[in-house]
N, C-alpha and C. Protein backbone atom coordinates (compact mmCIF):
# COMPACT_ATOMS: atom_id res chain seq x y z
N MET A 1 -8.45 -39.83 16.00
CA MET A 1 -9.22 -40.03 14.69
C MET A 1 -8.46 -39.16 13.69
N ARG A 2 -8.41 -40.12 12.57
CA ARG A 2 -7.74 -39.73 11.45
C ARG A 2 -8.79 -38.80 10.34
N THR A 3 -7.95 -38.06 9.82
CA THR A 3 -8.99 -36.98 8.84
C THR A 3 -8.39 -37.34 7.59
N SER A 4 -9.42 -37.43 6.65
CA SER A 4 -9.22 -37.76 5.30
C SER A 4 -8.65 -36.41 4.51
N PRO A 5 -7.60 -36.52 3.92
CA PRO A 5 -7.07 -35.27 3.04
C PRO A 5 -8.18 -34.67 2.21
N ARG A 6 -9.12 -35.39 1.69
CA ARG A 6 -10.29 -34.75 0.89
C ARG A 6 -10.99 -33.98 1.68
N THR A 7 -11.14 -33.88 2.95
CA THR A 7 -11.94 -33.04 3.75
C THR A 7 -11.47 -31.80 3.89
N LEU A 8 -10.07 -31.55 3.71
CA LEU A 8 -9.44 -30.43 4.00
C LEU A 8 -9.24 -29.60 2.82
N PRO A 9 -9.64 -28.49 2.61
CA PRO A 9 -9.42 -27.62 1.14
C PRO A 9 -7.84 -27.38 1.38
N LEU A 10 -7.23 -27.48 0.15
CA LEU A 10 -5.82 -27.03 -0.05
C LEU A 10 -5.81 -25.58 -0.33
N VAL A 11 -4.92 -24.91 0.42
CA VAL A 11 -4.60 -23.45 -0.04
C VAL A 11 -3.58 -23.30 -1.01
N GLN A 12 -3.88 -22.56 -1.97
CA GLN A 12 -3.01 -22.43 -3.11
C GLN A 12 -2.20 -21.06 -2.86
N ALA A 13 -0.71 -21.44 -3.11
CA ALA A 13 0.06 -20.23 -2.99
C ALA A 13 0.58 -19.75 -4.16
N HIS A 14 0.49 -18.37 -4.35
CA HIS A 14 1.02 -17.63 -5.62
C HIS A 14 2.19 -16.50 -5.39
N ARG A 15 3.10 -16.75 -6.02
CA ARG A 15 4.20 -15.68 -5.97
C ARG A 15 3.63 -14.40 -6.74
N GLN A 16 3.58 -13.20 -6.25
CA GLN A 16 3.18 -12.01 -6.77
C GLN A 16 4.12 -10.86 -6.55
N ARG A 17 4.26 -10.08 -7.66
CA ARG A 17 5.02 -8.84 -7.47
C ARG A 17 4.07 -7.68 -7.26
N GLY A 18 4.61 -6.72 -6.32
CA GLY A 18 3.94 -5.66 -5.89
C GLY A 18 4.90 -4.67 -5.41
N PHE A 19 4.38 -3.74 -4.80
CA PHE A 19 5.23 -2.48 -4.26
C PHE A 19 4.86 -2.26 -3.03
N ARG A 20 5.77 -2.31 -2.01
CA ARG A 20 5.41 -1.76 -0.69
C ARG A 20 5.54 -0.42 -0.48
N PHE A 21 4.48 0.25 0.04
CA PHE A 21 4.30 1.80 0.05
C PHE A 21 4.22 2.01 1.67
N GLU A 22 5.14 2.80 2.13
CA GLU A 22 5.14 2.92 3.45
C GLU A 22 5.40 4.47 3.77
N VAL A 23 4.72 4.96 4.85
CA VAL A 23 4.93 6.37 5.07
C VAL A 23 5.13 6.48 6.78
N LEU A 24 6.41 6.85 7.09
CA LEU A 24 6.86 7.00 8.62
C LEU A 24 6.91 8.49 9.03
N ARG A 25 6.54 8.65 10.15
CA ARG A 25 6.84 10.15 10.74
C ARG A 25 7.66 9.87 11.94
N TYR A 26 8.67 10.74 11.91
CA TYR A 26 9.82 10.82 12.88
C TYR A 26 9.55 12.00 13.97
N GLY A 27 9.94 11.90 15.23
CA GLY A 27 9.80 12.94 16.02
C GLY A 27 11.30 13.53 16.09
N PRO A 28 11.26 14.57 16.96
CA PRO A 28 12.77 15.24 17.15
C PRO A 28 13.95 14.42 17.22
N ALA A 29 14.96 15.01 16.89
CA ALA A 29 16.21 14.34 16.82
C ALA A 29 16.65 13.63 17.98
N ASP A 30 16.14 14.19 19.22
CA ASP A 30 16.52 13.49 20.36
C ASP A 30 15.62 12.07 20.64
N GLY A 31 14.24 12.14 20.14
CA GLY A 31 13.45 10.82 20.29
C GLY A 31 13.64 9.93 19.14
N PHE A 32 13.42 10.49 17.86
CA PHE A 32 13.83 9.60 16.68
C PHE A 32 13.10 8.49 16.56
N VAL A 33 12.05 8.08 17.00
CA VAL A 33 11.49 6.70 17.13
C VAL A 33 10.37 6.98 15.80
N PRO A 34 10.35 6.11 14.89
CA PRO A 34 9.21 6.18 13.85
C PRO A 34 7.99 5.94 14.22
N GLU A 35 7.00 6.60 13.57
CA GLU A 35 5.62 6.36 13.90
C GLU A 35 5.04 6.18 12.46
N PRO A 36 4.43 4.84 12.38
CA PRO A 36 3.83 4.39 11.14
C PRO A 36 2.60 4.98 10.79
N VAL A 37 2.53 5.72 9.67
CA VAL A 37 1.46 6.48 9.02
C VAL A 37 0.49 5.61 8.04
N ASP A 38 1.28 5.21 7.21
CA ASP A 38 0.51 4.37 6.39
C ASP A 38 1.41 3.07 5.72
N LEU A 39 0.87 2.10 5.33
CA LEU A 39 1.60 0.90 5.01
C LEU A 39 0.60 0.18 4.06
N ARG A 40 0.93 -0.16 2.66
CA ARG A 40 0.10 -0.92 2.02
C ARG A 40 1.03 -1.53 0.90
N VAL A 41 0.31 -2.54 0.14
CA VAL A 41 0.94 -3.25 -1.10
C VAL A 41 0.21 -2.79 -2.05
N LEU A 42 0.91 -2.26 -3.33
CA LEU A 42 0.23 -1.83 -4.39
C LEU A 42 0.71 -2.72 -5.53
N ALA A 43 -0.11 -2.81 -6.58
CA ALA A 43 0.17 -3.76 -7.88
C ALA A 43 1.03 -3.32 -8.76
N THR A 44 1.11 -1.84 -8.93
CA THR A 44 1.87 -1.29 -10.03
C THR A 44 2.74 -0.35 -9.53
N PRO A 45 3.81 0.17 -10.29
CA PRO A 45 4.42 1.49 -9.93
C PRO A 45 3.75 2.61 -10.09
N ARG A 46 2.77 2.67 -10.92
CA ARG A 46 1.89 3.91 -11.40
C ARG A 46 0.98 3.90 -10.14
N ASP A 47 0.40 2.89 -9.49
CA ASP A 47 -0.44 3.02 -8.40
C ASP A 47 0.30 3.56 -7.24
N ALA A 48 1.64 3.16 -7.03
CA ALA A 48 2.22 3.50 -5.62
C ALA A 48 2.76 5.26 -6.06
N ILE A 49 3.00 5.51 -7.20
CA ILE A 49 3.44 6.88 -7.34
C ILE A 49 2.10 7.77 -7.31
N ARG A 50 0.98 7.20 -7.70
CA ARG A 50 -0.13 8.08 -7.47
C ARG A 50 -0.49 8.25 -6.21
N VAL A 51 -0.46 7.19 -5.30
CA VAL A 51 -0.75 7.44 -3.78
C VAL A 51 0.24 8.46 -3.16
N LEU A 52 1.44 8.32 -3.59
CA LEU A 52 2.49 9.18 -3.05
C LEU A 52 2.04 10.74 -3.52
N ARG A 53 1.76 10.89 -4.83
CA ARG A 53 1.50 12.27 -5.25
C ARG A 53 0.19 12.75 -4.55
N VAL A 54 -0.84 11.94 -4.25
CA VAL A 54 -2.08 12.39 -3.64
C VAL A 54 -1.76 12.87 -2.20
N GLN A 55 -0.67 12.05 -1.38
CA GLN A 55 -0.45 12.34 -0.19
C GLN A 55 0.33 13.53 -0.29
N LEU A 56 1.24 13.81 -1.06
CA LEU A 56 2.06 15.25 -1.09
C LEU A 56 1.24 16.25 -1.44
N ARG A 57 0.15 16.11 -2.24
CA ARG A 57 -0.63 17.13 -2.37
C ARG A 57 -1.27 17.67 -1.11
N SER A 58 -1.73 16.91 -0.28
CA SER A 58 -2.48 17.14 0.95
C SER A 58 -1.51 17.34 2.05
N SER A 59 -0.31 17.29 2.05
CA SER A 59 0.74 17.25 3.07
C SER A 59 0.62 18.60 3.73
N HIS A 60 0.31 19.70 3.15
CA HIS A 60 0.35 21.16 3.60
C HIS A 60 -0.27 21.06 5.10
N VAL A 61 -1.36 20.26 5.36
CA VAL A 61 -1.95 20.21 6.73
C VAL A 61 -0.86 19.57 7.75
N LEU A 62 0.14 19.04 7.28
CA LEU A 62 1.28 18.53 8.29
C LEU A 62 2.02 19.52 9.14
N GLY A 63 1.73 20.82 8.64
CA GLY A 63 2.56 21.71 9.05
C GLY A 63 3.84 22.16 8.49
N LEU A 64 3.99 22.15 7.25
CA LEU A 64 5.14 22.44 6.46
C LEU A 64 5.45 23.83 6.36
N THR A 65 6.62 23.89 6.31
CA THR A 65 7.27 25.37 6.21
C THR A 65 7.04 25.60 4.59
N PRO A 66 7.13 26.98 4.23
CA PRO A 66 6.61 27.35 2.88
C PRO A 66 7.73 26.59 1.77
N TYR A 67 9.00 26.52 2.35
CA TYR A 67 9.72 26.03 1.50
C TYR A 67 9.63 24.37 1.18
N GLU A 68 9.23 23.66 2.23
CA GLU A 68 8.94 22.36 2.23
C GLU A 68 7.62 22.08 1.41
N ALA A 69 6.46 22.93 1.60
CA ALA A 69 5.25 22.99 0.79
C ALA A 69 5.77 22.90 -0.75
N GLY A 70 6.56 23.95 -0.84
CA GLY A 70 7.06 24.11 -2.47
C GLY A 70 7.64 22.77 -2.95
N ARG A 71 8.45 22.19 -2.19
CA ARG A 71 9.23 21.08 -2.56
C ARG A 71 8.24 19.96 -2.83
N ALA A 72 7.29 19.58 -1.87
CA ALA A 72 6.13 18.80 -2.24
C ALA A 72 5.34 18.82 -3.47
N LEU A 73 5.03 20.15 -3.53
CA LEU A 73 4.12 20.53 -4.85
C LEU A 73 5.04 20.22 -6.06
N HIS A 74 6.22 20.66 -6.02
CA HIS A 74 7.26 20.46 -7.34
C HIS A 74 7.24 19.02 -7.47
N PHE A 75 7.57 18.02 -6.61
CA PHE A 75 7.52 16.66 -6.58
C PHE A 75 6.32 16.22 -7.34
N SER A 76 5.26 16.52 -6.65
CA SER A 76 3.70 15.92 -7.32
C SER A 76 3.21 16.49 -8.31
N GLU A 77 3.40 17.70 -8.70
CA GLU A 77 2.71 18.42 -9.92
C GLU A 77 3.89 18.91 -10.95
N GLN A 78 4.96 19.03 -10.76
CA GLN A 78 5.90 19.40 -11.72
C GLN A 78 6.94 18.48 -12.32
N GLY A 79 6.82 17.07 -12.20
CA GLY A 79 7.30 16.21 -12.79
C GLY A 79 8.42 15.64 -11.89
N GLY A 80 8.58 15.94 -10.69
CA GLY A 80 9.54 15.41 -9.97
C GLY A 80 9.25 13.83 -9.77
N TRP A 81 7.93 13.39 -9.82
CA TRP A 81 7.78 11.95 -9.62
C TRP A 81 8.07 11.07 -10.90
N VAL A 82 8.46 11.71 -11.98
CA VAL A 82 8.75 10.98 -13.12
C VAL A 82 10.17 9.93 -12.86
N SER A 83 11.09 10.69 -12.22
CA SER A 83 12.25 9.84 -11.88
C SER A 83 11.87 8.75 -10.89
N ALA A 84 11.09 8.83 -9.98
CA ALA A 84 10.79 7.96 -8.89
C ALA A 84 9.97 6.79 -9.62
N LEU A 85 9.27 7.09 -10.49
CA LEU A 85 8.34 6.05 -11.48
C LEU A 85 9.44 5.21 -12.28
N GLY A 86 10.32 5.84 -12.81
CA GLY A 86 11.25 5.28 -13.69
C GLY A 86 12.08 4.24 -12.70
N ALA A 87 12.64 4.69 -11.47
CA ALA A 87 13.26 3.87 -10.61
C ALA A 87 12.42 2.60 -10.33
N LEU A 88 11.11 2.71 -9.97
CA LEU A 88 10.35 1.46 -9.54
C LEU A 88 10.26 0.56 -10.65
N HIS A 89 10.11 1.24 -11.83
CA HIS A 89 10.37 0.25 -13.10
C HIS A 89 11.30 -0.54 -13.35
N ARG A 90 12.63 0.07 -12.96
CA ARG A 90 13.90 -0.51 -13.12
C ARG A 90 14.04 -1.42 -11.85
N GLY A 91 13.07 -1.55 -10.92
CA GLY A 91 13.24 -2.41 -9.93
C GLY A 91 14.04 -1.91 -8.69
N GLU A 92 14.36 -0.50 -8.65
CA GLU A 92 14.99 0.15 -7.50
C GLU A 92 13.83 0.65 -6.43
N ALA A 93 14.19 1.01 -5.44
CA ALA A 93 13.42 1.85 -4.49
C ALA A 93 13.33 3.33 -4.50
N CYS A 94 12.37 3.89 -3.97
CA CYS A 94 12.27 5.51 -4.27
C CYS A 94 11.80 5.92 -2.82
N GLY A 95 12.06 7.30 -2.71
CA GLY A 95 11.41 7.74 -1.48
C GLY A 95 11.49 9.24 -1.52
N PHE A 96 10.76 9.75 -0.49
CA PHE A 96 10.75 11.41 -0.60
C PHE A 96 10.58 11.66 0.95
N THR A 97 11.38 12.64 1.34
CA THR A 97 11.30 13.19 2.76
C THR A 97 11.14 14.78 2.79
N LEU A 98 10.26 15.12 3.94
CA LEU A 98 9.83 16.34 4.22
C LEU A 98 10.06 16.55 5.66
N MET A 99 10.71 17.73 5.76
CA MET A 99 10.94 18.22 7.06
C MET A 99 9.64 18.97 7.53
N LEU A 100 9.15 18.76 8.92
CA LEU A 100 8.27 19.23 9.49
C LEU A 100 8.48 20.33 10.43
N ARG A 101 7.79 20.88 11.14
CA ARG A 101 8.01 22.11 12.17
C ARG A 101 8.71 21.35 13.33
N LYS A 102 9.43 22.07 14.37
CA LYS A 102 9.84 21.48 15.55
C LYS A 102 10.80 20.16 15.49
N GLY A 103 11.47 20.18 14.20
CA GLY A 103 12.54 19.02 14.04
C GLY A 103 11.91 17.72 13.72
N ARG A 104 10.68 17.66 13.51
CA ARG A 104 10.15 16.51 12.98
C ARG A 104 10.14 16.24 11.46
N HIS A 105 10.04 14.96 10.81
CA HIS A 105 10.10 14.81 9.52
C HIS A 105 9.27 13.57 9.14
N ILE A 106 8.86 13.63 7.89
CA ILE A 106 8.00 12.58 7.42
C ILE A 106 8.78 11.91 6.21
N GLU A 107 8.50 10.55 6.06
CA GLU A 107 9.34 9.94 4.77
C GLU A 107 8.27 8.98 4.27
N TRP A 108 8.37 8.97 2.87
CA TRP A 108 7.59 8.29 2.05
C TRP A 108 8.54 7.29 1.29
N HIS A 109 8.44 5.89 1.38
CA HIS A 109 9.42 4.76 0.83
C HIS A 109 8.38 3.94 -0.01
N VAL A 110 8.92 3.62 -1.27
CA VAL A 110 8.24 2.69 -1.97
C VAL A 110 9.39 1.66 -2.41
N ARG A 111 9.08 0.53 -2.38
CA ARG A 111 10.05 -0.46 -3.02
C ARG A 111 9.37 -1.69 -3.64
N PRO A 112 10.24 -2.08 -4.59
CA PRO A 112 9.44 -3.48 -5.14
C PRO A 112 9.50 -4.51 -4.15
N LEU A 113 8.47 -5.64 -4.47
CA LEU A 113 8.30 -6.53 -3.29
C LEU A 113 8.00 -7.94 -4.09
N LEU A 114 8.55 -8.89 -3.62
CA LEU A 114 7.91 -10.20 -4.15
C LEU A 114 7.27 -10.89 -2.91
N TYR A 115 5.88 -11.19 -2.99
CA TYR A 115 5.26 -11.78 -1.93
C TYR A 115 4.54 -12.92 -2.29
N LEU A 116 4.09 -13.62 -1.11
CA LEU A 116 3.33 -14.85 -1.38
C LEU A 116 1.69 -14.75 -1.00
N SER A 117 1.10 -14.84 -1.90
CA SER A 117 -0.47 -14.62 -1.54
C SER A 117 -1.04 -16.03 -1.57
N LEU A 118 -1.93 -16.34 -0.54
CA LEU A 118 -2.52 -17.35 -0.29
C LEU A 118 -4.09 -17.28 -0.48
N ASP A 119 -4.49 -18.31 -1.31
CA ASP A 119 -5.95 -18.31 -1.95
C ASP A 119 -6.52 -19.57 -1.41
N ALA A 120 -7.62 -19.77 -0.64
CA ALA A 120 -8.45 -20.87 -0.10
C ALA A 120 -9.32 -21.00 -1.29
N PRO A 121 -9.53 -22.35 -1.58
CA PRO A 121 -10.44 -22.69 -2.72
C PRO A 121 -12.04 -22.71 -1.92
N PRO A 122 -13.14 -22.33 -2.78
CA PRO A 122 -14.36 -22.09 -2.14
C PRO A 122 -14.83 -23.43 -1.50
N PRO A 123 -15.70 -23.26 -0.62
CA PRO A 123 -16.29 -24.47 0.25
C PRO A 123 -16.88 -25.47 -0.71
N PRO A 124 -16.90 -26.69 -0.22
CA PRO A 124 -17.34 -27.62 -1.28
C PRO A 124 -18.93 -27.49 -1.54
N GLY A 125 -19.33 -27.72 -2.65
CA GLY A 125 -20.42 -27.56 -3.27
C GLY A 125 -20.96 -26.04 -3.60
N ARG A 126 -20.02 -24.97 -3.31
CA ARG A 126 -20.31 -23.82 -3.76
C ARG A 126 -19.18 -23.42 -4.85
N PRO A 127 -19.67 -22.93 -5.73
CA PRO A 127 -18.84 -22.27 -6.90
C PRO A 127 -18.16 -21.00 -6.48
N HIS A 128 -17.07 -20.73 -6.95
CA HIS A 128 -16.17 -19.62 -6.78
C HIS A 128 -16.79 -18.14 -7.56
N ASP A 129 -17.06 -17.34 -6.86
CA ASP A 129 -17.49 -15.97 -7.54
C ASP A 129 -16.65 -14.90 -7.34
N PRO A 130 -15.92 -14.63 -8.37
CA PRO A 130 -14.83 -13.58 -8.13
C PRO A 130 -15.49 -12.13 -7.87
N MET A 131 -16.66 -11.95 -8.10
CA MET A 131 -17.37 -10.71 -7.86
C MET A 131 -17.54 -10.54 -6.46
N GLN A 132 -17.52 -11.43 -5.53
CA GLN A 132 -17.68 -11.43 -4.16
C GLN A 132 -16.49 -11.02 -3.49
N GLY A 133 -15.44 -10.89 -3.94
CA GLY A 133 -14.01 -10.28 -3.35
C GLY A 133 -13.70 -11.51 -2.29
N HIS A 134 -13.35 -10.72 -1.16
CA HIS A 134 -12.81 -11.59 -0.07
C HIS A 134 -14.05 -12.36 0.90
N LEU A 135 -15.27 -12.23 0.44
CA LEU A 135 -16.40 -12.71 1.24
C LEU A 135 -16.97 -14.07 0.49
N PRO A 136 -16.31 -15.03 0.49
CA PRO A 136 -16.98 -16.32 -0.19
C PRO A 136 -18.03 -16.79 0.45
N TYR A 137 -18.37 -16.53 1.47
CA TYR A 137 -19.51 -17.17 2.33
C TYR A 137 -20.70 -16.15 2.37
N ALA A 138 -20.60 -15.03 1.67
CA ALA A 138 -21.59 -13.95 1.79
C ALA A 138 -22.77 -14.51 0.78
N PRO A 139 -24.01 -14.18 1.05
CA PRO A 139 -25.13 -14.59 0.23
C PRO A 139 -25.01 -13.81 -1.03
N SER A 140 -25.54 -14.53 -2.20
CA SER A 140 -25.17 -14.13 -3.47
C SER A 140 -26.13 -12.87 -3.79
N ALA A 141 -27.45 -12.99 -3.07
CA ALA A 141 -28.39 -12.02 -3.40
C ALA A 141 -28.89 -11.64 -2.02
N PRO A 142 -29.38 -10.28 -1.85
CA PRO A 142 -29.92 -9.93 -0.54
C PRO A 142 -31.28 -10.55 -0.33
N ALA A 143 -31.54 -10.66 0.66
CA ALA A 143 -33.01 -11.33 1.23
C ALA A 143 -34.10 -10.41 0.68
N PRO A 144 -35.19 -10.80 0.25
CA PRO A 144 -36.21 -9.92 -0.21
C PRO A 144 -36.94 -9.28 1.12
N LEU A 145 -37.40 -8.01 0.94
CA LEU A 145 -37.97 -7.51 2.21
C LEU A 145 -39.38 -8.07 2.39
N PRO A 146 -39.95 -7.97 3.57
CA PRO A 146 -41.24 -8.27 3.88
C PRO A 146 -42.23 -7.47 3.38
């Protein structure tokens, strides 16, 4: 059975720029296997640095030494992040590493990224509603209560 090309919706591909934000935690030097903590794609350098700063502010729960806690606060609160923001605007990668107790460490990496975004058109007979986000088949209004 042949299928008409008109019955299949075409997927539209768009090249987009973004920033890959990755956090890895490493075990002691003898194991040294990375454990992924966070991975996201963010739209702007400012968004990436904002997430990095928020995570550094809350990193004291990771068991940091007082010296490493001071480094994290200096980077996030006293302007250490400015050079990282500049590097991302120039198209360069940036990162930050903190040593944890017992030989472990955690690394934040942000790098520019060019990726392919795939968008499917709305189903036939149904207009596209950008307010519904990724749920094109969701009802547009809730059902009334009895």
